[in-house]
């Protein structure tokens, strides 16, 4: 009604015990957030409110979420005689939305952790590849150095008349040294 009292139909959503309590209860007594109460004042001024979602206290003291729609009903003189509308308890939907939000946050955090761990795995793989490459390079380098030394030694041990074989050993030595410096 214009004075802020409920209409004669006690809303089950507010757990009002009886018709008399419903008639005497002021709508503003149920609001928890002062901002929502300002919304009620705006609705009274504008004469209509649609699908406003607010947290409100039930008569038994428990708190729930409600979607409210109402409009002013005017008398013949244009004064507000009462407000008619609906109040829907959307507490279960809000709980589901919160659970979904929390689950989504959890999935996002798990995804971020997975990306971080994947990055660490890639870094570890790259470090291992570099280590193996260094080892291979060192082993190949040692092998090529050994080939170069062996070729030079073999060339020196050949008799002087085996010029062609000596040249082949020295060419092999030069290729080994060239490969080492690449």
C-alpha atoms as a PDB file:
ATOM      1  CA  UNK A   1       0.000   0.000   0.000  1.00  0.00           C
ATOM      2  CA  UNK A   2       1.180   3.604  -0.355  1.00  0.00           C
ATOM      3  CA  UNK A   3       2.137   3.709   3.331  1.00  0.00           C
ATOM      4  CA  UNK A   4       4.609   0.872   2.745  1.00  0.00           C
ATOM      5  CA  UNK A   5       2.549  -2.009   4.153  1.00  0.00           C
ATOM      6  CA  UNK A   6       2.047  -5.309   2.335  1.00  0.00           C
ATOM      7  CA  UNK A   7      -1.208  -6.047   0.617  1.00  0.00           C
ATOM      8  CA  UNK A   8      -3.472  -8.559   2.357  1.00  0.00           C
ATOM      9  CA  UNK A   9      -1.888 -11.572   0.626  1.00  0.00           C
ATOM     10  CA  UNK A  10       1.057 -12.719   2.843  1.00  0.00           C
ATOM     11  CA  UNK A  11       4.013 -13.614   0.621  1.00  0.00           C
ATOM     12  CA  UNK A  12       5.197 -17.128   1.294  1.00  0.00           C
ATOM     13  CA  UNK A  13       8.641 -16.059   0.176  1.00  0.00           C
ATOM     14  CA  UNK A  14       8.893 -13.825   3.237  1.00  0.00           C
ATOM     15  CA  UNK A  15       7.582 -16.571   5.549  1.00  0.00           C
ATOM     16  CA  UNK A  16       4.943 -14.270   7.006  1.00  0.00           C
ATOM     17  CA  UNK A  17       3.005 -16.230   9.615  1.00  0.00           C
ATOM     18  CA  UNK A  18      -0.490 -14.846   9.032  1.00  0.00           C
ATOM     19  CA  UNK A  19      -2.638 -12.259   7.318  1.00  0.00           C
ATOM     20  CA  UNK A  20      -2.514  -9.779  10.197  1.00  0.00           C
ATOM     21  CA  UNK A  21       1.299  -9.826  10.240  1.00  0.00           C
ATOM     22  CA  UNK A  22       1.308  -9.288   6.485  1.00  0.00           C
ATOM     23  CA  UNK A  23      -0.929  -6.240   6.832  1.00  0.00           C
ATOM     24  CA  UNK A  24       1.172  -4.701   9.583  1.00  0.00           C
ATOM     25  CA  UNK A  25       4.622  -5.379   8.093  1.00  0.00           C
ATOM     26  CA  UNK A  26       6.359  -2.500   6.340  1.00  0.00           C
ATOM     27  CA  UNK A  27       8.161  -3.354   3.102  1.00  0.00           C
ATOM     28  CA  UNK A  28      11.197  -1.365   4.207  1.00  0.00           C
ATOM     29  CA  UNK A  29      11.622  -3.668   7.233  1.00  0.00           C
ATOM     30  CA  UNK A  30      12.732  -6.439   4.908  1.00  0.00           C
ATOM     31  CA  UNK A  31      15.490  -4.619   3.018  1.00  0.00           C
ATOM     32  CA  UNK A  32      19.108  -5.336   4.014  1.00  0.00           C
ATOM     33  CA  UNK A  33      20.965  -2.966   1.715  1.00  0.00           C
ATOM     34  CA  UNK A  34      20.233   0.767   1.991  1.00  0.00           C
ATOM     35  CA  UNK A  35      20.857   1.021  -1.764  1.00  0.00           C
ATOM     36  CA  UNK A  36      17.947  -1.356  -2.360  1.00  0.00           C
ATOM     37  CA  UNK A  37      15.773   0.781  -0.112  1.00  0.00           C
ATOM     38  CA  UNK A  38      16.652   3.804  -2.269  1.00  0.00           C
ATOM     39  CA  UNK A  39      15.500   1.713  -5.222  1.00  0.00           C
ATOM     40  CA  UNK A  40      12.157   1.258  -3.460  1.00  0.00           C
ATOM     41  CA  UNK A  41      11.880   5.025  -3.015  1.00  0.00           C
ATOM     42  CA  UNK A  42      12.607   5.531  -6.716  1.00  0.00           C
ATOM     43  CA  UNK A  43       9.973   2.912  -7.583  1.00  0.00           C
ATOM     44  CA  UNK A  44       7.425   4.758  -5.457  1.00  0.00           C
ATOM     45  CA  UNK A  45       8.290   8.000  -7.223  1.00  0.00           C
ATOM     46  CA  UNK A  46       8.311   6.426 -10.717  1.00  0.00           C
ATOM     47  CA  UNK A  47       5.212   4.345  -9.951  1.00  0.00           C
ATOM     48  CA  UNK A  48       6.735   1.165 -11.397  1.00  0.00           C
ATOM     49  CA  UNK A  49       9.627  -1.245 -10.939  1.00  0.00           C
ATOM     50  CA  UNK A  50      10.428  -4.305 -13.042  1.00  0.00           C
ATOM     51  CA  UNK A  51      12.611  -7.311 -12.324  1.00  0.00           C
ATOM     52  CA  UNK A  52      14.680  -5.718  -9.549  1.00  0.00           C
ATOM     53  CA  UNK A  53      16.796  -8.299  -7.730  1.00  0.00           C
ATOM     54  CA  UNK A  54      17.465  -7.621  -4.055  1.00  0.00           C
ATOM     55  CA  UNK A  55      18.556  -9.434  -0.911  1.00  0.00           C
ATOM     56  CA  UNK A  56      15.875  -9.214   1.737  1.00  0.00           C
ATOM     57  CA  UNK A  57      15.243 -10.519   5.202  1.00  0.00           C
ATOM     58  CA  UNK A  58      12.354 -12.925   5.614  1.00  0.00           C
ATOM     59  CA  UNK A  59      10.003 -12.643   8.576  1.00  0.00           C
ATOM     60  CA  UNK A  60      11.806 -15.560  10.271  1.00  0.00           C
ATOM     61  CA  UNK A  61      15.131 -13.677  10.043  1.00  0.00           C
ATOM     62  CA  UNK A  62      16.628 -15.744   7.226  1.00  0.00           C
ATOM     63  CA  UNK A  63      17.907 -13.920   4.167  1.00  0.00           C
ATOM     64  CA  UNK A  64      16.996 -14.597   0.569  1.00  0.00           C
ATOM     65  CA  UNK A  65      17.211 -13.155  -2.900  1.00  0.00           C
ATOM     66  CA  UNK A  66      14.034 -11.864  -4.525  1.00  0.00           C
ATOM     67  CA  UNK A  67      13.023 -10.496  -7.903  1.00  0.00           C
ATOM     68  CA  UNK A  68      10.441  -7.767  -7.488  1.00  0.00           C
ATOM     69  CA  UNK A  69       8.136  -6.205 -10.037  1.00  0.00           C
ATOM     70  CA  UNK A  70       5.361  -3.807  -9.059  1.00  0.00           C
ATOM     71  CA  UNK A  71       3.347  -0.877 -10.267  1.00  0.00           C
ATOM     72  CA  UNK A  72       1.229   1.739  -8.585  1.00  0.00           C
ATOM     73  CA  UNK A  73      -2.524   1.420  -8.839  1.00  0.00           C
ATOM     74  CA  UNK A  74      -4.177   4.841  -8.745  1.00  0.00           C
ATOM     75  CA  UNK A  75      -7.637   5.795  -7.560  1.00  0.00           C
ATOM     76  CA  UNK A  76     -10.015   7.988  -9.525  1.00  0.00           C
ATOM     77  CA  UNK A  77      -8.259  11.128  -8.253  1.00  0.00           C
ATOM     78  CA  UNK A  78      -4.854   9.932  -9.527  1.00  0.00           C
ATOM     79  CA  UNK A  79      -3.517   9.146  -6.068  1.00  0.00           C
ATOM     80  CA  UNK A  80      -1.705   5.869  -5.398  1.00  0.00           C
ATOM     81  CA  UNK A  81      -4.215   3.512  -3.849  1.00  0.00           C
ATOM     82  CA  UNK A  82      -1.860   0.554  -3.621  1.00  0.00           C
ATOM     83  CA  UNK A  83       0.910  -1.296  -5.416  1.00  0.00           C
ATOM     84  CA  UNK A  84       0.371  -4.539  -7.214  1.00  0.00           C
ATOM     85  CA  UNK A  85       3.050  -6.845  -8.420  1.00  0.00           C
ATOM     86  CA  UNK A  86       4.989  -9.961  -7.743  1.00  0.00           C
ATOM     87  CA  UNK A  87       7.831 -11.123  -5.579  1.00  0.00           C
ATOM     88  CA  UNK A  88       9.707 -14.210  -6.716  1.00  0.00           C
ATOM     89  CA  UNK A  89      12.141 -16.007  -4.422  1.00  0.00           C
ATOM     90  CA  UNK A  90      15.250 -16.488  -6.582  1.00  0.00           C
ATOM     91  CA  UNK A  91      17.523 -17.646  -3.758  1.00  0.00           C
ATOM     92  CA  UNK A  92      18.178 -21.063  -5.311  1.00  0.00           C
ATOM     93  CA  UNK A  93      19.080 -19.487  -8.652  1.00  0.00           C
ATOM     94  CA  UNK A  94      21.460 -17.074  -6.908  1.00  0.00           C
ATOM     95  CA  UNK A  95      23.077 -19.988  -5.047  1.00  0.00           C
ATOM     96  CA  UNK A  96      23.518 -21.804  -8.365  1.00  0.00           C
ATOM     97  CA  UNK A  97      24.995 -18.660  -9.962  1.00  0.00           C
ATOM     98  CA  UNK A  98      27.437 -18.277  -7.057  1.00  0.00           C
ATOM     99  CA  UNK A  99      28.421 -21.950  -7.262  1.00  0.00           C
ATOM    100  CA  UNK A 100      28.968 -21.541 -11.001  1.00  0.00           C
ATOM    101  CA  UNK A 101      31.056 -18.390 -10.413  1.00  0.00           C
ATOM    102  CA  UNK A 102      33.185 -20.194  -7.840  1.00  0.00           C
ATOM    103  CA  UNK A 103      33.600 -23.200 -10.129  1.00  0.00           C
ATOM    104  CA  UNK A 104      34.522 -20.906 -13.029  1.00  0.00           C
ATOM    105  CA  UNK A 105      37.080 -19.151 -10.822  1.00  0.00           C
ATOM    106  CA  UNK A 106      38.477 -22.543  -9.818  1.00  0.00           C
ATOM    107  CA  UNK A 107      38.696 -23.674 -13.460  1.00  0.00           C
ATOM    108  CA  UNK A 108      40.417 -20.416 -14.433  1.00  0.00           C
ATOM    109  CA  UNK A 109      42.924 -20.814 -11.597  1.00  0.00           C
ATOM    110  CA  UNK A 110      43.542 -24.449 -12.565  1.00  0.00           C
ATOM    111  CA  UNK A 111      43.995 -23.411 -16.199  1.00  0.00           C
ATOM    112  CA  UNK A 112      46.478 -20.709 -15.198  1.00  0.00           C
ATOM    113  CA  UNK A 113      48.386 -23.228 -13.062  1.00  0.00           C
ATOM    114  CA  UNK A 114      48.379 -25.698 -15.956  1.00  0.00           C
ATOM    115  CA  UNK A 115      49.786 -23.024 -18.267  1.00  0.00           C
ATOM    116  CA  UNK A 116      52.454 -22.150 -15.693  1.00  0.00           C
ATOM    117  CA  UNK A 117      53.442 -25.803 -15.284  1.00  0.00           C
ATOM    118  CA  UNK A 118      53.426 -26.352 -19.038  1.00  0.00           C
ATOM    119  CA  UNK A 119      55.762 -23.378 -19.384  1.00  0.00           C
ATOM    120  CA  UNK A 120      58.080 -24.875 -16.768  1.00  0.00           C
ATOM    121  CA  UNK A 121      58.066 -28.207 -18.608  1.00  0.00           C
ATOM    122  CA  UNK A 122      58.936 -26.485 -21.886  1.00  0.00           C
ATOM    123  CA  UNK A 123      61.745 -24.567 -20.139  1.00  0.00           C
ATOM    124  CA  UNK A 124      63.077 -27.814 -18.645  1.00  0.00           C
ATOM    125  CA  UNK A 125      62.932 -29.516 -22.048  1.00  0.00           C
ATOM    126  CA  UNK A 126      64.813 -26.630 -23.657  1.00  0.00           C
ATOM    127  CA  UNK A 127      67.453 -26.718 -20.913  1.00  0.00           C
ATOM    128  CA  UNK A 128      67.848 -30.477 -21.402  1.00  0.00           C
ATOM    129  CA  UNK A 129      68.148 -30.029 -25.175  1.00  0.00           C
ATOM    130  CA  UNK A 130      70.865 -27.420 -24.656  1.00  0.00           C
ATOM    131  CA  UNK A 131      72.690 -29.706 -22.213  1.00  0.00           C
ATOM    132  CA  UNK A 132      72.526 -32.641 -24.629  1.00  0.00           C
ATOM    133  CA  UNK A 133      73.640 -30.414 -27.499  1.00  0.00           C
ATOM    134  CA  UNK A 134      76.628 -29.227 -25.445  1.00  0.00           C
ATOM    135  CA  UNK A 135      77.520 -32.814 -24.564  1.00  0.00           C
ATOM    136  CA  UNK A 136      77.198 -33.911 -28.177  1.00  0.00           C
ATOM    137  CA  UNK A 137      79.205 -30.927 -29.312  1.00  0.00           C
ATOM    138  CA  UNK A 138      81.886 -31.697 -26.746  1.00  0.00           C
ATOM    139  CA  UNK A 139      81.959 -35.390 -27.674  1.00  0.00           C
ATOM    140  CA  UNK A 140      82.006 -34.646 -31.408  1.00  0.00           C
ATOM    141  CA  UNK A 141      84.664 -31.993 -30.806  1.00  0.00           C
ATOM    142  CA  UNK A 142      86.796 -34.427 -28.878  1.00  0.00           C
ATOM    143  CA  UNK A 143      86.328 -37.050 -31.588  1.00  0.00           C
ATOM    144  CA  UNK A 144      87.254 -34.614 -34.364  1.00  0.00           C
ATOM    145  CA  UNK A 145      90.286 -33.419 -32.410  1.00  0.00           C
ATOM    146  CA  UNK A 146      91.349 -37.017 -31.979  1.00  0.00           C
ATOM    147  CA  UNK A 147      90.877 -37.624 -35.741  1.00  0.00           C
ATOM    148  CA  UNK A 148      92.947 -34.517 -36.582  1.00  0.00           C
ATOM    149  CA  UNK A 149      95.773 -35.560 -34.237  1.00  0.00           C
ATOM    150  CA  UNK A 150      95.687 -39.143 -35.487  1.00  0.00           C
ATOM    151  CA  UNK A 151      95.763 -38.011 -39.137  1.00  0.00           C
ATOM    152  CA  UNK A 152      98.754 -35.748 -38.482  1.00  0.00           C
ATOM    153  CA  UNK A 153     100.539 -38.515 -36.593  1.00  0.00           C
ATOM    154  CA  UNK A 154      99.819 -41.070 -39.322  1.00  0.00           C
ATOM    155  CA  UNK A 155     101.023 -38.668 -42.024  1.00  0.00           C
ATOM    156  CA  UNK A 156     104.308 -38.144 -40.171  1.00  0.00           C
ATOM    157  CA  UNK A 157     104.866 -41.878 -39.746  1.00  0.00           C
ATOM    158  CA  UNK A 158     104.501 -42.643 -43.453  1.00  0.00           C
ATOM    159  CA  UNK A 159     107.721 -43.088 -45.411  1.00  0.00           C
ATOM    160  CA  UNK A 160     108.691 -40.071 -47.553  1.00  0.00           C
ATOM    161  CA  UNK A 161     107.835 -41.784 -50.837  1.00  0.00           C
ATOM    162  CA  UNK A 162     104.126 -42.139 -49.870  1.00  0.00           C
ATOM    163  CA  UNK A 163     103.303 -38.569 -50.679  1.00  0.00           C
ATOM    164  CA  UNK A 164      99.757 -39.184 -51.889  1.00  0.00           C
ATOM    165  CA  UNK A 165      98.717 -41.001 -48.689  1.00  0.00           C
ATOM    166  CA  UNK A 166     100.388 -38.274 -46.603  1.00  0.00           C
ATOM    167  CA  UNK A 167      98.345 -35.620 -48.493  1.00  0.00           C
ATOM    168  CA  UNK A 168      95.116 -37.569 -47.891  1.00  0.00           C
ATOM    169  CA  UNK A 169      95.802 -37.744 -44.145  1.00  0.00           C
ATOM    170  CA  UNK A 170      96.548 -34.007 -44.059  1.00  0.00           C
ATOM    171  CA  UNK A 171      93.324 -33.245 -46.006  1.00  0.00           C
ATOM    172  CA  UNK A 172      91.349 -35.372 -43.524  1.00  0.00           C
ATOM    173  CA  UNK A 173      93.044 -33.484 -40.683  1.00  0.00           C
ATOM    174  CA  UNK A 174      92.120 -30.127 -42.289  1.00  0.00           C
ATOM    175  CA  UNK A 175      88.453 -31.193 -42.711  1.00  0.00           C
ATOM    176  CA  UNK A 176      88.285 -32.305 -39.084  1.00  0.00           C
ATOM    177  CA  UNK A 177      89.696 -28.934 -37.933  1.00  0.00           C
ATOM    178  CA  UNK A 178      87.301 -27.023 -40.236  1.00  0.00           C
ATOM    179  CA  UNK A 179      84.346 -28.981 -38.870  1.00  0.00           C
ATOM    180  CA  UNK A 180      85.468 -28.232 -35.307  1.00  0.00           C
ATOM    181  CA  UNK A 181      85.325 -24.481 -35.971  1.00  0.00           C
ATOM    182  CA  UNK A 182      81.817 -24.507 -37.477  1.00  0.00           C
END
